[in-house]
């Protein structure tokens, strides 16, 4: 069976994944501090030059997709051979879990702190600073972000509907025959996925280890980190091996239920009225200020955070978009666009609002001055998250639940990533990848971030990932052109 399946593998993609993983790791690990500094300087220069392109371009993607959704072209349906159809709940659960990961819960509690410290340094009054600080996180995790994710999904879906043998890579979308261009475009596709995996795991593992250390009152050691990694690998490797129907879908459905239950408990046990009132206020302020947030350039937040986030989403979008199209067989463009943008946005906005406003309430009531603690280096981000949740009743149980959700969120992202790398490694998108190949990629995905985390280098991979998004600006323009051409061709047919 292995020999039969191996003849259907796209050896170029597999080779690119391995070579890029090795080369990127060697470069970063040869001088973690020096490479991080050099890459940050390069990223900083690029963001200054491309800031307007990121800001206006990202908003344009949202408008472009919404136009398709409300137009007559929204009726066009995606058709994928040998792919299952899924219930609305399972479809929404899988796309949300694949696109977010544990990073959502990581940043939901603490992201407002950075904005607050920036705005207070500009002598803004505290009420205005807090309003912007609780609104910017939901801006960065909502409509524009999910539109960026959705664009490759629509492009992949139309390309495959038009040609069922199209590869699940950039060269497949654009039907590239030139070998040099094929390798170039697919290197961007694979490189962005590998860097995204490195950063995501590098951020998530320390948080999960810190939670385990706090809950079980044990020292945070190398052995605990290894145990955390082993547990996560065993879960998402098994899920990836089982595939979408038996693994990824079940894990995603279970995790969404846990997340909803967790947020309800935080809402009830925390300052309920405060969270509700401030959340509604931030939603209204977001809709009022959305153009201002979208077009702002030259500010500390726009350059250091908005551009970074749009670059981050663009780098992750090839993987997320490819996964979304794999679970969207039979759906219309309208249902995919509206579903992805609104399911993703609403889920992130609720998560951000509940956890951010809990933390802000503790700050305003004088119980936990997180901005000062972080700015003065008295606590790191992981410790602030744990301190925040520890202020609630039944905090130990909440932390256990939080840790479990982080682990499963991490696993639902990386089982999806393993699945997409394996699917992209097939010669045609209508060939189902083997469990063995998905298992190989699951192991590859975890080895690299583990080395980075222990030897130093997560920051370097973070900058590499967003640097990868610069050529993706050009690729995104090509994706939009491809979407228009394929919609017209499918409509005529």
Protein backbone atom coordinates (compact mmCIF):
# COMPACT_ATOMS: atom_id res chain seq x y z
CA UNK A 1 0.00 0.00 0.00
CA UNK A 2 2.85 2.37 0.82
CA UNK A 3 4.40 1.84 -2.64
CA UNK A 4 1.08 2.44 -4.38
CA UNK A 5 0.42 5.71 -2.53
CA UNK A 6 4.02 6.93 -2.84
CA UNK A 7 3.72 6.99 -6.64
CA UNK A 8 1.06 9.68 -6.23
CA UNK A 9 3.21 11.92 -4.06
CA UNK A 10 4.42 15.26 -5.42
CA UNK A 11 8.10 14.84 -4.56
CA UNK A 12 8.84 18.51 -5.30
CA UNK A 13 6.55 19.67 -2.49
CA UNK A 14 7.85 17.07 -0.04
CA UNK A 15 11.45 18.02 -0.86
CA UNK A 16 10.67 21.73 -0.49
CA UNK A 17 9.09 21.13 2.93
CA UNK A 18 12.11 19.22 4.22
CA UNK A 19 14.76 21.47 2.66
CA UNK A 20 13.12 24.72 3.76
CA UNK A 21 12.62 23.36 7.28
CA UNK A 22 16.28 22.40 7.54
CA UNK A 23 17.67 25.59 5.95
CA UNK A 24 15.50 27.96 7.97
CA UNK A 25 16.38 26.15 11.19
CA UNK A 26 20.12 26.14 10.44
CA UNK A 27 20.07 29.85 9.65
CA UNK A 28 18.17 30.79 12.79
CA UNK A 29 19.92 28.43 15.20
CA UNK A 30 23.41 29.31 13.99
CA UNK A 31 22.99 32.72 15.66
CA UNK A 32 19.58 33.11 17.36
CA UNK A 33 20.24 36.60 18.74
CA UNK A 34 22.00 37.96 15.66
CA UNK A 35 19.48 36.52 13.21
CA UNK A 36 16.57 37.87 15.26
CA UNK A 37 18.08 41.36 15.28
CA UNK A 38 18.87 41.33 11.56
CA UNK A 39 15.46 39.94 10.60
CA UNK A 40 13.65 42.45 12.81
CA UNK A 41 15.53 45.33 11.17
CA UNK A 42 14.60 43.96 7.75
CA UNK A 43 10.97 43.51 8.83
CA UNK A 44 10.92 47.04 10.30
CA UNK A 45 12.20 48.55 7.05
CA UNK A 46 9.70 46.58 4.99
CA UNK A 47 6.76 47.58 7.19
CA UNK A 48 7.63 51.27 6.88
CA UNK A 49 7.76 50.97 3.08
CA UNK A 50 4.76 48.65 2.65
CA UNK A 51 2.55 49.95 5.49
CA UNK A 52 0.00 51.63 3.20
CA UNK A 53 -0.09 48.55 0.96
CA UNK A 54 -0.84 46.27 3.91
CA UNK A 55 -3.49 48.58 5.35
CA UNK A 56 -5.34 49.47 2.14
CA UNK A 57 -4.76 46.08 0.53
CA UNK A 58 -6.15 44.10 3.47
CA UNK A 59 -9.30 46.21 3.58
CA UNK A 60 -9.65 45.82 -0.20
CA UNK A 61 -9.67 42.02 0.23
CA UNK A 62 -12.64 42.34 2.61
CA UNK A 63 -14.55 44.58 0.17
CA UNK A 64 -13.68 42.32 -2.79
CA UNK A 65 -15.02 39.20 -1.06
CA UNK A 66 -18.14 40.89 0.25
CA UNK A 67 -18.90 42.10 -3.29
CA UNK A 68 -18.67 38.52 -4.59
CA UNK A 69 -20.87 37.27 -1.73
CA UNK A 70 -23.72 39.70 -2.39
CA UNK A 71 -23.46 39.54 -6.19
CA UNK A 72 -24.92 36.93 -8.55
CA UNK A 73 -21.51 35.20 -8.53
CA UNK A 74 -22.09 34.22 -4.93
CA UNK A 75 -24.29 31.37 -6.23
CA UNK A 76 -21.32 29.56 -7.79
CA UNK A 77 -20.74 26.28 -5.95
CA UNK A 78 -17.45 24.62 -5.10
CA UNK A 79 -17.21 21.04 -6.34
CA UNK A 80 -14.46 18.74 -5.02
CA UNK A 81 -14.05 15.11 -5.97
CA UNK A 82 -13.64 12.56 -3.17
CA UNK A 83 -14.34 15.12 -0.44
CA UNK A 84 -16.98 14.78 2.29
CA UNK A 85 -19.68 17.34 3.06
CA UNK A 86 -20.12 18.50 6.65
CA UNK A 87 -22.85 19.91 8.87
CA UNK A 88 -22.82 23.66 9.50
CA UNK A 89 -21.68 23.17 13.10
CA UNK A 90 -18.80 20.84 12.18
CA UNK A 91 -17.78 23.05 9.25
CA UNK A 92 -17.75 26.16 11.44
CA UNK A 93 -15.92 24.36 14.25
CA UNK A 94 -13.19 23.09 11.95
CA UNK A 95 -12.56 26.37 10.13
CA UNK A 96 -12.44 28.28 13.41
CA UNK A 97 -10.12 25.81 15.11
CA UNK A 98 -7.79 25.61 12.10
CA UNK A 99 -7.54 29.38 11.78
CA UNK A 100 -6.98 30.32 15.39
CA UNK A 101 -5.18 27.89 17.65
CA UNK A 102 -4.07 28.57 21.20
CA UNK A 103 -2.82 32.03 20.16
CA UNK A 104 -6.37 33.40 20.50
CA UNK A 105 -6.58 32.58 24.21
CA UNK A 106 -2.98 33.72 24.68
CA UNK A 107 -3.57 37.20 23.26
CA UNK A 108 -7.20 37.64 24.35
CA UNK A 109 -6.19 38.26 27.95
CA UNK A 110 -3.14 40.47 27.41
CA UNK A 111 -3.12 42.17 24.01
CA UNK A 112 -4.94 45.23 25.31
CA UNK A 113 -2.00 45.90 27.67
CA UNK A 114 0.41 46.78 24.86
CA UNK A 115 -2.05 49.19 23.26
CA UNK A 116 -2.78 50.80 26.60
CA UNK A 117 0.90 51.36 27.36
CA UNK A 118 1.45 52.85 23.90
CA UNK A 119 -1.55 55.20 24.18
CA UNK A 120 -0.77 56.27 27.74
CA UNK A 121 2.75 57.21 26.64
CA UNK A 122 1.07 59.62 24.21
CA UNK A 123 -0.68 61.37 27.13
CA UNK A 124 -4.13 60.14 26.14
CA UNK A 125 -6.67 60.22 28.97
CA UNK A 126 -7.23 56.85 30.63
CA UNK A 127 -10.86 56.33 29.54
CA UNK A 128 -10.08 56.97 25.87
CA UNK A 129 -6.95 54.83 26.07
CA UNK A 130 -8.94 51.94 27.55
CA UNK A 131 -11.67 52.26 24.91
CA UNK A 132 -9.12 52.00 22.09
CA UNK A 133 -7.22 49.28 23.96
CA UNK A 134 -10.24 46.99 24.28
CA UNK A 135 -11.32 47.67 20.68
CA UNK A 136 -8.06 47.19 18.78
CA UNK A 137 -7.78 43.46 19.69
CA UNK A 138 -11.20 42.68 18.24
CA UNK A 139 -10.32 44.73 15.15
CA UNK A 140 -7.15 42.72 14.56
CA UNK A 141 -8.92 39.38 15.03
CA UNK A 142 -12.18 39.97 13.17
CA UNK A 143 -13.48 40.85 9.70
CA UNK A 144 -10.34 41.88 7.81
CA UNK A 145 -8.30 39.06 9.32
CA UNK A 146 -10.82 36.40 8.31
CA UNK A 147 -11.20 37.93 4.85
CA UNK A 148 -7.45 37.47 4.42
CA UNK A 149 -7.91 33.81 5.41
CA UNK A 150 -10.87 33.41 3.07
CA UNK A 151 -9.30 34.72 -0.14
CA UNK A 152 -7.03 31.68 -0.78
CA UNK A 153 -9.94 29.36 0.08
CA UNK A 154 -12.07 30.90 -2.67
CA UNK A 155 -9.15 30.86 -5.12
CA UNK A 156 -8.34 27.20 -4.36
CA UNK A 157 -12.00 26.21 -4.55
CA UNK A 158 -12.61 27.82 -7.94
CA UNK A 159 -9.35 26.49 -9.42
CA UNK A 160 -10.18 22.93 -8.32
CA UNK A 161 -13.82 23.20 -9.43
CA UNK A 162 -12.58 24.24 -12.86
CA UNK A 163 -9.87 21.54 -12.95
CA UNK A 164 -10.29 18.65 -10.49
CA UNK A 165 -6.67 17.59 -11.03
CA UNK A 166 -5.28 20.95 -9.94
CA UNK A 167 -2.63 20.80 -7.22
CA UNK A 168 -3.40 22.24 -3.79
CA UNK A 169 -0.58 24.79 -4.02
CA UNK A 170 -0.02 28.25 -5.51
CA UNK A 171 1.40 26.72 -8.70
CA UNK A 172 -1.78 24.65 -8.90
CA UNK A 173 -4.07 27.68 -8.61
CA UNK A 174 -2.18 29.56 -11.30
CA UNK A 175 -1.63 26.45 -13.44
CA UNK A 176 2.10 27.18 -13.66
CA UNK A 177 4.06 24.93 -16.00
CA UNK A 178 7.46 26.62 -15.80
CA UNK A 179 9.54 24.58 -13.31
CA UNK A 180 11.40 27.58 -11.87
CA UNK A 181 8.21 29.54 -11.23
CA UNK A 182 6.53 26.43 -9.84
CA UNK A 183 9.29 25.97 -7.27
CA UNK A 184 9.30 29.71 -6.48
CA UNK A 185 5.55 29.97 -5.83
CA UNK A 186 5.37 26.68 -3.94
CA UNK A 187 8.36 27.71 -1.79
CA UNK A 188 6.32 30.71 -0.65
CA UNK A 189 3.38 28.41 0.09
CA UNK A 190 5.42 25.87 2.09
CA UNK A 191 7.72 28.41 3.74
CA UNK A 192 4.83 30.44 5.13
CA UNK A 193 3.25 27.29 6.58
CA UNK A 194 6.49 26.12 8.23
CA UNK A 195 7.24 29.52 9.77
CA UNK A 196 3.66 29.84 11.00
CA UNK A 197 3.94 26.44 12.66
CA UNK A 198 7.22 27.39 14.28
CA UNK A 199 5.87 30.59 15.77
CA UNK A 200 2.53 29.14 16.87
CA UNK A 201 4.05 26.21 18.70
CA UNK A 202 6.82 28.38 20.11
CA UNK A 203 4.26 30.73 21.70
CA UNK A 204 1.80 28.06 22.84
CA UNK A 205 4.07 25.51 24.53
CA UNK A 206 5.43 27.92 27.19
CA UNK A 207 1.88 28.99 28.11
CA UNK A 208 0.66 25.39 28.45
CA UNK A 209 3.73 24.44 30.52
CA UNK A 210 3.19 27.47 32.78
CA UNK A 211 -0.43 26.46 33.37
CA UNK A 212 0.56 22.87 34.23
CA UNK A 213 3.26 24.18 36.55
CA UNK A 214 0.79 26.46 38.36
CA UNK A 215 -2.08 23.97 38.62
CA UNK A 216 0.00 21.06 39.88
CA UNK A 217 2.43 23.24 41.86
CA UNK A 218 5.50 21.82 40.14
CA UNK A 219 8.59 23.58 38.85
CA UNK A 220 8.58 24.60 35.20
CA UNK A 221 11.51 22.55 33.91
CA UNK A 222 12.89 21.16 30.69
CA UNK A 223 11.23 17.82 31.45
CA UNK A 224 7.83 19.49 31.85
CA UNK A 225 8.24 21.22 28.49
CA UNK A 226 9.17 17.92 26.84
CA UNK A 227 6.13 16.25 28.43
CA UNK A 228 3.87 19.03 27.12
CA UNK A 229 5.29 18.68 23.62
CA UNK A 230 4.92 14.88 23.70
CA UNK A 231 1.26 15.10 24.77
CA UNK A 232 0.43 17.65 22.06
CA UNK A 233 2.29 15.69 19.38
CA UNK A 234 0.52 12.45 20.27
CA UNK A 235 -2.89 14.14 20.04
CA UNK A 236 -2.51 16.07 16.81
CA UNK A 237 -0.47 13.35 15.08
CA UNK A 238 -3.23 10.84 15.85
CA UNK A 239 -5.91 13.28 14.68
CA UNK A 240 -4.02 14.04 11.46
CA UNK A 241 -3.44 10.32 10.82
CA UNK A 242 -7.16 9.57 11.20
CA UNK A 243 -8.05 12.36 8.76
CA UNK A 244 -10.86 14.90 8.71
CA UNK A 245 -13.89 12.71 9.35
CA UNK A 246 -12.57 10.54 12.19
CA UNK A 247 -9.97 12.86 13.71
CA UNK A 248 -9.97 16.58 12.93
CA UNK A 249 -13.76 17.04 12.91
CA UNK A 250 -14.37 15.25 16.21
CA UNK A 251 -11.55 17.11 17.96
CA UNK A 252 -12.74 20.48 16.61
CA UNK A 253 -16.37 19.88 17.60
CA UNK A 254 -15.32 18.89 21.12
CA UNK A 255 -13.05 21.90 21.49
CA UNK A 256 -15.66 24.44 20.38
CA UNK A 257 -18.07 23.12 23.02
CA UNK A 258 -15.31 23.42 25.65
CA UNK A 259 -14.48 26.98 24.57
CA UNK A 260 -18.12 28.09 24.74
CA UNK A 261 -18.52 26.52 28.18
CA UNK A 262 -15.29 28.14 29.40
CA UNK A 263 -16.28 31.62 28.19
CA UNK A 264 -19.75 31.30 29.76
CA UNK A 265 -18.15 30.37 33.10
CA UNK A 266 -15.75 33.34 32.89
CA UNK A 267 -18.69 35.60 32.07
CA UNK A 268 -20.72 34.31 35.04
CA UNK A 269 -17.91 34.08 37.60
CA UNK A 270 -16.30 37.35 36.55
CA UNK A 271 -17.68 40.90 36.56
CA UNK A 272 -20.68 39.98 34.38
CA UNK A 273 -22.27 43.41 34.00
CA UNK A 274 -18.90 45.08 33.36
CA UNK A 275 -17.94 42.53 30.68
CA UNK A 276 -21.33 42.82 28.95
CA UNK A 277 -21.48 46.63 29.00
CA UNK A 278 -17.88 47.20 27.92
CA UNK A 279 -18.09 44.53 25.21
CA UNK A 280 -21.15 46.15 23.64
CA UNK A 281 -19.43 49.53 23.86
CA UNK A 282 -16.31 48.23 22.10
CA UNK A 283 -18.39 46.58 19.33
CA UNK A 284 -20.23 49.83 18.64
CA UNK A 285 -16.97 51.78 18.72
CA UNK A 286 -15.37 49.27 16.32
CA UNK A 287 -18.14 49.63 13.72
CA UNK A 288 -17.99 53.41 14.03
CA UNK A 289 -14.19 53.59 13.77
CA UNK A 290 -13.60 50.68 11.35
CA UNK A 291 -12.51 52.96 8.46
CA UNK A 292 -10.17 54.88 10.80
CA UNK A 293 -8.59 51.67 12.10
CA UNK A 294 -8.33 50.23 8.58
CA UNK A 295 -6.66 53.23 6.94
CA UNK A 296 -4.52 54.55 9.81
CA UNK A 297 -0.85 54.77 8.87
CA UNK A 298 2.21 56.22 10.57
CA UNK A 299 1.07 55.46 14.12
CA UNK A 300 2.83 53.20 16.62
CA UNK A 301 -0.13 50.80 16.68
CA UNK A 302 -0.63 50.69 12.91
CA UNK A 303 3.05 49.95 12.19
CA UNK A 304 3.90 47.71 15.13
CA UNK A 305 0.58 45.88 15.42
CA UNK A 306 -1.86 46.32 12.51
CA UNK A 307 0.75 45.73 9.80
CA UNK A 308 2.23 42.88 11.82
CA UNK A 309 -1.18 41.23 12.15
CA UNK A 310 -2.10 41.60 8.47
CA UNK A 311 1.32 40.17 7.57
CA UNK A 312 0.76 37.36 10.10
CA UNK A 313 -2.67 36.47 8.68
CA UNK A 314 -1.32 36.56 5.13
CA UNK A 315 1.50 34.19 6.02
CA UNK A 316 -0.92 31.75 7.70
CA UNK A 317 -3.64 32.13 5.04
CA UNK A 318 -2.27 29.64 2.47
CA UNK A 319 -2.61 26.79 4.99
CA UNK A 320 -5.93 27.94 6.47
CA UNK A 321 -7.42 28.68 3.06
CA UNK A 322 -6.35 25.31 1.69
CA UNK A 323 -7.91 23.58 4.70
CA UNK A 324 -11.16 25.54 4.47
CA UNK A 325 -11.65 24.56 0.83
CA UNK A 326 -11.05 20.90 1.72
CA UNK A 327 -14.06 20.96 4.06
CA UNK A 328 -16.30 23.13 1.84
CA UNK A 329 -17.41 20.71 -0.86
CA UNK A 330 -20.82 21.62 -2.26
CA UNK A 331 -20.97 25.07 -0.65
CA UNK A 332 -21.60 28.26 -2.60
CA UNK A 333 -19.09 31.10 -2.67
CA UNK A 334 -21.61 33.18 -0.71
CA UNK A 335 -21.92 30.66 2.12
CA UNK A 336 -18.14 30.17 2.30
CA UNK A 337 -17.33 33.90 2.35
CA UNK A 338 -20.04 34.91 4.81
CA UNK A 339 -19.51 31.80 6.93
CA UNK A 340 -15.74 32.17 7.22
CA UNK A 341 -15.77 35.92 7.86
CA UNK A 342 -18.67 35.99 10.33
CA UNK A 343 -18.11 32.70 12.18
CA UNK A 344 -14.44 33.51 12.61
CA UNK A 345 -15.04 37.13 13.55
CA UNK A 346 -17.85 36.52 16.04
CA UNK A 347 -15.90 33.72 17.74
CA UNK A 348 -12.81 35.88 18.10
CA UNK A 349 -14.73 39.00 19.16
CA UNK A 350 -16.52 37.15 21.97
CA UNK A 351 -13.31 35.49 23.18
CA UNK A 352 -11.40 38.75 23.08
CA UNK A 353 -14.14 40.73 24.79
CA UNK A 354 -14.70 38.33 27.69
CA UNK A 355 -11.04 37.77 28.56
CA UNK A 356 -9.82 41.31 27.80
CA UNK A 357 -12.55 42.94 29.85
CA UNK A 358 -11.90 40.61 32.78
CA UNK A 359 -8.28 41.76 32.76
CA UNK A 360 -9.22 45.44 32.30
CA UNK A 361 -11.73 45.21 35.17
CA UNK A 362 -8.98 43.93 37.46
CA UNK A 363 -6.80 46.85 36.36
CA UNK A 364 -9.49 49.49 36.88
CA UNK A 365 -10.45 48.09 40.27
CA UNK A 366 -6.83 48.06 41.41
CA UNK A 367 -6.64 44.28 41.87
CA UNK A 368 -4.07 43.56 39.14
CA UNK A 369 -2.08 46.32 37.43
CA UNK A 370 -1.11 44.27 34.38
CA UNK A 371 0.23 47.22 32.30
CA UNK A 372 2.72 48.18 35.01
CA UNK A 373 3.70 44.56 35.75
CA UNK A 374 4.43 43.88 32.09
CA UNK A 375 6.13 47.20 31.35
CA UNK A 376 8.41 46.93 34.40
CA UNK A 377 9.22 43.30 33.67
CA UNK A 378 7.84 42.08 37.00
CA UNK A 379 5.73 39.39 35.29
CA UNK A 380 5.88 37.89 31.82
CA UNK A 381 2.83 37.45 29.60
CA UNK A 382 2.16 33.84 30.60
CA UNK A 383 2.27 34.76 34.30
CA UNK A 384 -0.17 37.64 33.78
CA UNK A 385 -2.64 35.30 32.04
CA UNK A 386 -2.46 32.86 34.96
CA UNK A 387 -2.74 35.67 37.55
CA UNK A 388 -5.82 37.02 35.77
CA UNK A 389 -7.67 33.70 35.80
CA UNK A 390 -6.51 33.02 39.36
CA UNK A 391 -8.58 35.95 40.66
CA UNK A 392 -11.82 34.08 39.94
CA UNK A 393 -13.64 31.52 42.07
CA UNK A 394 -12.78 27.90 41.22
CA UNK A 395 -9.64 29.26 39.56
CA UNK A 396 -7.80 25.94 39.69
CA UNK A 397 -10.57 24.24 37.73
CA UNK A 398 -10.70 27.13 35.29
CA UNK A 399 -6.95 26.93 34.74
CA UNK A 400 -7.21 23.19 34.10
CA UNK A 401 -9.98 23.85 31.58
CA UNK A 402 -7.97 26.69 30.05
CA UNK A 403 -4.96 24.40 29.70
CA UNK A 404 -7.01 21.62 28.09
CA UNK A 405 -8.55 24.09 25.62
CA UNK A 406 -5.10 25.50 24.74
CA UNK A 407 -3.78 21.98 24.12
CA UNK A 408 -6.74 21.00 21.92
CA UNK A 409 -6.72 24.36 20.09
CA UNK A 410 -3.02 23.83 19.39
CA UNK A 411 -3.72 20.31 18.16
CA UNK A 412 -6.65 21.29 15.94
CA UNK A 413 -4.43 23.86 14.22
CA UNK A 414 -1.53 21.50 13.65
CA UNK A 415 -3.51 18.43 12.66
CA UNK A 416 -5.04 20.70 9.99
CA UNK A 417 -1.57 21.92 9.00
CA UNK A 418 -0.27 18.34 8.73
CA UNK A 419 -3.31 17.42 6.66
CA UNK A 420 -2.76 20.32 4.24
CA UNK A 421 0.97 19.70 3.82
CA UNK A 422 0.17 16.07 3.03
CA UNK A 423 -2.66 17.06 0.65
CA UNK A 424 -0.40 19.58 -1.10
CA UNK A 425 2.15 16.78 -1.51
CA UNK A 426 -0.19 14.77 -3.70
CA UNK A 427 0.06 15.10 -7.48
CA UNK A 428 -3.61 16.05 -7.71
CA UNK A 429 -6.09 17.62 -5.28
CA UNK A 430 -8.62 14.81 -5.87
CA UNK A 431 -6.23 12.21 -4.39
CA UNK A 432 -6.62 11.69 -0.64
CA UNK A 433 -3.31 11.81 1.22
CA UNK A 434 -2.23 8.79 3.22
CA UNK A 435 -2.26 8.66 7.01
CA UNK A 436 1.46 7.83 6.95
CA UNK A 437 2.29 11.01 5.04
CA UNK A 438 0.18 13.12 7.41
CA UNK A 439 2.02 11.51 10.32
CA UNK A 440 5.41 12.34 8.78
CA UNK A 441 4.44 16.01 8.45
CA UNK A 442 3.05 16.09 12.01
CA UNK A 443 6.44 14.97 13.33
CA UNK A 444 8.28 17.42 11.05
CA UNK A 445 6.11 20.29 12.26
CA UNK A 446 6.90 19.68 15.92
CA UNK A 447 10.65 18.94 15.69
CA UNK A 448 11.58 22.34 14.27
CA UNK A 449 9.64 24.49 16.81
CA UNK A 450 10.94 22.33 19.66
CA UNK A 451 14.53 23.09 18.66
CA UNK A 452 13.70 26.77 18.27
CA UNK A 453 12.03 26.95 21.66
CA UNK A 454 14.89 25.35 23.58
CA UNK A 455 17.81 26.78 21.65
CA UNK A 456 16.30 30.21 21.02
CA UNK A 457 14.95 31.36 17.69
CA UNK A 458 11.16 31.72 17.98
CA UNK A 459 11.48 35.49 17.45
CA UNK A 460 13.54 34.96 14.30
CA UNK A 461 10.90 32.67 12.84
CA UNK A 462 8.26 35.25 13.71
CA UNK A 463 10.06 37.86 11.62
CA UNK A 464 10.75 35.38 8.80
CA UNK A 465 7.07 34.51 8.70
CA UNK A 466 5.93 38.10 8.28
CA UNK A 467 8.75 38.78 5.79
CA UNK A 468 7.30 35.92 3.75
CA UNK A 469 4.09 37.93 3.57
CA UNK A 470 5.73 40.71 1.50
CA UNK A 471 5.82 38.68 -1.74
CA UNK A 472 2.42 37.32 -0.71
CA UNK A 473 1.06 40.84 -1.28
CA UNK A 474 1.77 40.27 -4.96
CA UNK A 475 0.42 36.70 -4.78
CA UNK A 476 -2.82 37.98 -3.24
CA UNK A 477 -3.31 40.32 -6.17
CA UNK A 478 -2.83 37.34 -8.50
CA UNK A 479 -5.34 35.35 -6.41
CA UNK A 480 -7.95 38.07 -6.89
CA UNK A 481 -7.34 38.08 -10.65
CA UNK A 482 -7.52 34.28 -10.69
CA UNK A 483 -10.85 34.35 -8.81
CA UNK A 484 -12.39 36.75 -11.33
CA UNK A 485 -11.16 34.72 -14.31
CA UNK A 486 -12.31 31.38 -12.87
CA UNK A 487 -15.74 32.69 -11.84
CA UNK A 488 -16.34 33.97 -15.37
CA UNK A 489 -15.09 30.68 -16.90
CA UNK A 490 -17.29 28.55 -14.59
CA UNK A 491 -20.33 30.75 -15.22
CA UNK A 492 -19.87 30.47 -18.99
CA UNK A 493 -19.49 26.69 -18.75
